[in-house]
């Protein structure tokens, strides 16, 4: 199955799809030294994001979150790629700085049934390949 979004940051990434219906703050919400979601109020609390394709509505919080995304990538602790409903300035700039593929224009309800399954993202053309297992 292929879903088509809008490519925002070029590159390709593969990994298990992690889907959240809640926006995520990278500054304070994700531990920059482990890649684990530490926001106790978030549905992904305790989840390690390393190597995943992370699907979120958008990010929230400080624009410094872009540097957290960059730092996670530099330490090989962050998501391999991002799929979003809307690519906001923090998410787009963080992915661009870090060279992490990003596409938006997806509906989370279309992704929820594929959570945990391996997926491949093309940030160049916005295609998300699902059901690869």
Protein backbone atom coordinates (compact mmCIF):
# COMPACT_ATOMS: atom_id res chain seq x y z
CA UNK A 1 0.00 0.00 0.00
CA UNK A 2 1.27 3.47 -0.87
CA UNK A 3 0.01 6.68 0.73
CA UNK A 4 0.90 9.97 -0.90
CA UNK A 5 1.72 13.11 1.03
CA UNK A 6 3.89 16.14 0.36
CA UNK A 7 7.66 15.71 0.48
CA UNK A 8 9.31 18.38 2.65
CA UNK A 9 12.82 17.13 3.45
CA UNK A 10 14.50 14.87 0.91
CA UNK A 11 15.84 11.42 1.60
CA UNK A 12 14.47 8.01 2.37
CA UNK A 13 14.01 6.21 5.65
CA UNK A 14 12.70 2.86 6.81
CA UNK A 15 11.63 1.53 10.16
CA UNK A 16 8.69 0.52 12.28
CA UNK A 17 5.84 3.02 12.09
CA UNK A 18 5.04 4.72 15.40
CA UNK A 19 1.77 6.65 15.32
CA UNK A 20 0.62 9.25 17.84
CA UNK A 21 -2.56 11.27 17.76
CA UNK A 22 -0.92 13.81 20.09
CA UNK A 23 1.52 16.56 19.07
CA UNK A 24 4.99 16.12 20.56
CA UNK A 25 7.41 18.60 22.11
CA UNK A 26 11.02 17.68 21.49
CA UNK A 27 12.27 20.17 24.07
CA UNK A 28 11.38 18.54 27.37
CA UNK A 29 9.20 15.83 25.86
CA UNK A 30 11.99 13.64 24.47
CA UNK A 31 15.18 12.79 26.34
CA UNK A 32 18.04 14.01 24.10
CA UNK A 33 20.41 11.43 25.60
CA UNK A 34 18.25 8.35 25.02
CA UNK A 35 15.62 9.14 22.38
CA UNK A 36 12.85 8.12 24.80
CA UNK A 37 9.61 10.09 25.20
CA UNK A 38 9.71 11.46 28.78
CA UNK A 39 6.53 13.56 28.75
CA UNK A 40 4.38 11.66 31.27
CA UNK A 41 1.20 13.03 29.72
CA UNK A 42 2.00 11.82 26.21
CA UNK A 43 0.60 8.58 24.82
CA UNK A 44 4.12 7.56 23.70
CA UNK A 45 5.56 8.00 27.21
CA UNK A 46 8.45 5.55 27.69
CA UNK A 47 8.69 4.74 23.96
CA UNK A 48 12.15 4.82 22.36
CA UNK A 49 11.95 6.66 19.03
CA UNK A 50 15.33 5.59 17.67
CA UNK A 51 15.10 4.21 14.13
CA UNK A 52 11.35 4.60 13.82
CA UNK A 53 9.19 6.39 11.30
CA UNK A 54 7.35 8.74 13.65
CA UNK A 55 3.86 9.84 12.63
CA UNK A 56 2.54 12.85 14.57
CA UNK A 57 0.06 15.64 13.91
CA UNK A 58 2.79 18.30 14.42
CA UNK A 59 5.21 19.46 17.08
CA UNK A 60 4.48 21.82 19.96
CA UNK A 61 6.60 23.90 22.28
CA UNK A 62 9.78 25.82 21.81
CA UNK A 63 11.51 26.22 18.47
CA UNK A 64 14.58 24.87 20.29
CA UNK A 65 12.95 21.49 19.61
CA UNK A 66 14.51 21.71 16.13
CA UNK A 67 17.95 21.51 17.74
CA UNK A 68 16.84 18.54 19.82
CA UNK A 69 15.88 16.74 16.59
CA UNK A 70 19.31 17.63 15.18
CA UNK A 71 21.07 16.45 18.35
CA UNK A 72 19.14 13.16 18.36
CA UNK A 73 20.19 12.52 14.76
CA UNK A 74 23.82 13.41 15.52
CA UNK A 75 23.82 10.84 18.34
CA UNK A 76 21.93 8.25 16.21
CA UNK A 77 19.07 8.31 18.73
CA UNK A 78 16.26 9.95 16.77
CA UNK A 79 13.58 8.78 14.40
CA UNK A 80 14.77 7.67 10.96
CA UNK A 81 12.03 9.82 9.42
CA UNK A 82 8.88 11.79 10.16
CA UNK A 83 5.36 11.61 8.78
CA UNK A 84 3.10 14.47 9.82
CA UNK A 85 -0.34 15.86 9.34
CA UNK A 86 1.21 19.34 9.10
CA UNK A 87 4.90 20.15 8.86
CA UNK A 88 5.33 23.06 11.28
CA UNK A 89 8.40 25.31 11.47
CA UNK A 90 10.04 23.39 14.33
CA UNK A 91 9.62 20.01 12.65
CA UNK A 92 10.64 21.18 9.18
CA UNK A 93 13.69 23.12 10.37
CA UNK A 94 14.80 20.32 12.71
CA UNK A 95 14.55 17.73 9.96
CA UNK A 96 16.27 20.00 7.44
CA UNK A 97 19.16 20.69 9.85
CA UNK A 98 19.51 17.02 10.68
CA UNK A 99 18.95 15.62 7.20
CA UNK A 100 15.99 13.53 8.39
CA UNK A 101 13.36 12.76 5.73
CA UNK A 102 9.97 14.40 6.32
CA UNK A 103 6.64 14.36 4.54
CA UNK A 104 3.30 15.81 5.57
CA UNK A 105 -0.30 15.79 4.39
CA UNK A 106 -1.18 12.44 5.94
CA UNK A 107 -4.24 11.52 7.98
CA UNK A 108 -3.34 9.75 11.23
CA UNK A 109 -6.45 7.60 11.03
CA UNK A 110 -5.06 6.15 7.77
CA UNK A 111 -1.83 5.22 9.57
CA UNK A 112 -3.08 3.92 12.93
CA UNK A 113 -3.80 0.39 11.70
CA UNK A 114 -0.23 0.10 10.44
CA UNK A 115 1.49 1.04 13.73
CA UNK A 116 4.41 -1.24 14.54
CA UNK A 117 4.76 -2.47 10.97
CA UNK A 118 7.79 -1.73 8.83
CA UNK A 119 7.33 1.22 6.48
CA UNK A 120 9.47 3.17 4.03
CA UNK A 121 9.26 6.92 3.51
CA UNK A 122 10.44 8.99 0.58
CA UNK A 123 10.81 12.54 1.81
CA UNK A 124 11.55 13.58 -1.74
CA UNK A 125 8.16 12.76 -3.23
CA UNK A 126 6.10 12.23 -0.07
CA UNK A 127 5.33 8.56 -0.64
CA UNK A 128 4.89 6.26 2.35
CA UNK A 129 5.04 2.53 1.63
CA UNK A 130 3.11 0.43 4.16
CA UNK A 131 2.49 -3.25 4.87
CA UNK A 132 6.00 -4.34 3.98
CA UNK A 133 6.15 -7.16 6.56
